[in-house]
Amino acid sequence: KLPNAWGLYDMSGNVWEWCQDTWHNSYEGAPSDGSAWEDGGDSRVIRGGAWIMNARQCRSPHREHINTANRYNWLGFRLVRTIR
C-alpha cells in the first residue's frame, strides 16, 4: 500500500486511535516542532475513524476527543517505530 499525504499507512476505518496529544479546541499555541502537545486536561485526541462511524469521520485529519478514563470497542492505539 502507498502512504497517505502525511506518510501514514492504513490509518482509517478500523478503530479510532488514541493520540499522545491532549485535547485543545484549536492549534493555537501548539508546539511547532511536531512534538506532542501534552499540557492540558483529561481528554486526549483520537483520530482515524472507526467501523461504526460515518465516512466523514473515517479520515486521518478528522479529530475528536475523549476522556482517558473511557474505554470502547471502537477505540485503540497504534505503536510506531522508526526503522533504521
Protein backbone atom coordinates (compact mmCIF):
# COMPACT_ATOMS: atom_id res chain seq x y z
CA LYS A 1 0.00 0.00 0.00
CA LEU A 2 1.02 3.58 -0.50
CA PRO A 3 1.14 6.08 2.37
CA ASN A 4 -1.37 8.89 2.66
CA ALA A 5 -0.42 12.58 2.33
CA TRP A 6 1.18 12.54 5.81
CA GLY A 7 3.28 9.42 5.15
CA LEU A 8 0.98 7.22 7.25
CA TYR A 9 -0.23 3.76 6.26
CA ASP A 10 -3.68 2.24 6.72
CA MET A 11 -4.94 4.78 9.25
CA SER A 12 -8.68 4.92 8.58
CA GLY A 13 -11.71 2.83 9.32
CA ASN A 14 -10.66 0.16 11.79
CA VAL A 15 -10.73 1.85 15.21
CA TRP A 16 -10.30 5.40 16.41
CA GLU A 17 -6.74 5.73 17.67
CA TRP A 18 -5.62 7.44 20.86
CA CYS A 19 -3.03 10.15 20.25
CA GLN A 20 -0.40 11.40 22.65
CA ASP A 21 -1.74 14.96 22.38
CA THR A 22 -4.16 16.37 24.93
CA TRP A 23 -7.30 18.00 23.51
CA HIS A 24 -7.35 21.70 22.65
CA ASN A 25 -10.12 23.40 20.65
CA SER A 26 -7.61 24.79 18.15
CA TYR A 27 -3.94 24.51 17.25
CA GLU A 28 -3.19 27.98 18.64
CA GLY A 29 -0.22 27.56 21.00
CA ALA A 30 0.64 24.05 19.75
CA PRO A 31 4.30 23.01 19.52
CA SER A 32 5.73 23.99 16.14
CA ASP A 33 8.36 21.22 16.06
CA GLY A 34 5.92 18.30 15.60
CA SER A 35 6.19 17.11 19.19
CA ALA A 36 3.14 16.04 21.18
CA TRP A 37 1.10 18.73 22.91
CA GLU A 38 0.83 17.19 26.35
CA ASP A 39 -0.28 20.03 28.63
CA GLY A 40 -3.98 20.33 29.26
CA GLY A 41 -6.92 18.45 30.69
CA ASP A 42 -8.09 14.85 30.91
CA SER A 43 -9.12 14.44 27.27
CA ARG A 44 -6.87 13.05 24.56
CA VAL A 45 -7.16 13.46 20.82
CA ILE A 46 -8.45 10.48 18.82
CA ARG A 47 -8.06 10.15 15.04
CA GLY A 48 -8.75 7.87 12.12
CA GLY A 49 -12.41 6.93 12.45
CA ALA A 50 -13.86 3.55 13.28
CA TRP A 51 -16.05 0.85 11.82
CA ILE A 52 -19.18 2.28 13.50
CA MET A 53 -18.72 5.86 12.21
CA ASN A 54 -19.85 7.52 9.01
CA ALA A 55 -17.49 8.15 6.07
CA ARG A 56 -16.92 11.81 7.01
CA GLN A 57 -15.38 10.73 10.33
CA CYS A 58 -13.21 7.97 8.82
CA ARG A 59 -10.30 10.08 7.66
CA SER A 60 -6.93 10.90 9.22
CA PRO A 61 -7.37 14.69 9.59
CA HIS A 62 -10.67 14.32 11.46
CA ARG A 63 -10.12 14.55 15.20
CA GLU A 64 -12.30 14.14 18.22
CA HIS A 65 -11.55 13.88 21.91
CA ILE A 66 -12.39 11.51 24.69
CA ASN A 67 -11.67 11.36 28.40
CA THR A 68 -8.81 8.99 29.21
CA ALA A 69 -10.99 7.06 31.68
CA ASN A 70 -13.34 5.87 28.90
CA ARG A 71 -12.98 2.50 27.12
CA TYR A 72 -14.79 1.41 23.93
CA ASN A 73 -14.51 -1.46 21.44
CA TRP A 74 -14.02 1.09 18.64
CA LEU A 75 -11.06 2.82 20.31
CA GLY A 76 -7.46 1.59 20.18
CA PHE A 77 -3.91 2.78 19.68
CA ARG A 78 -1.07 2.32 17.20
CA LEU A 79 2.52 1.61 18.07
CA VAL A 80 5.05 3.41 15.91
CA ARG A 81 8.72 2.69 15.47
CA THR A 82 11.38 4.20 13.26
CA ILE A 83 13.15 1.66 11.04
CA ARG A 84 16.86 2.35 10.69
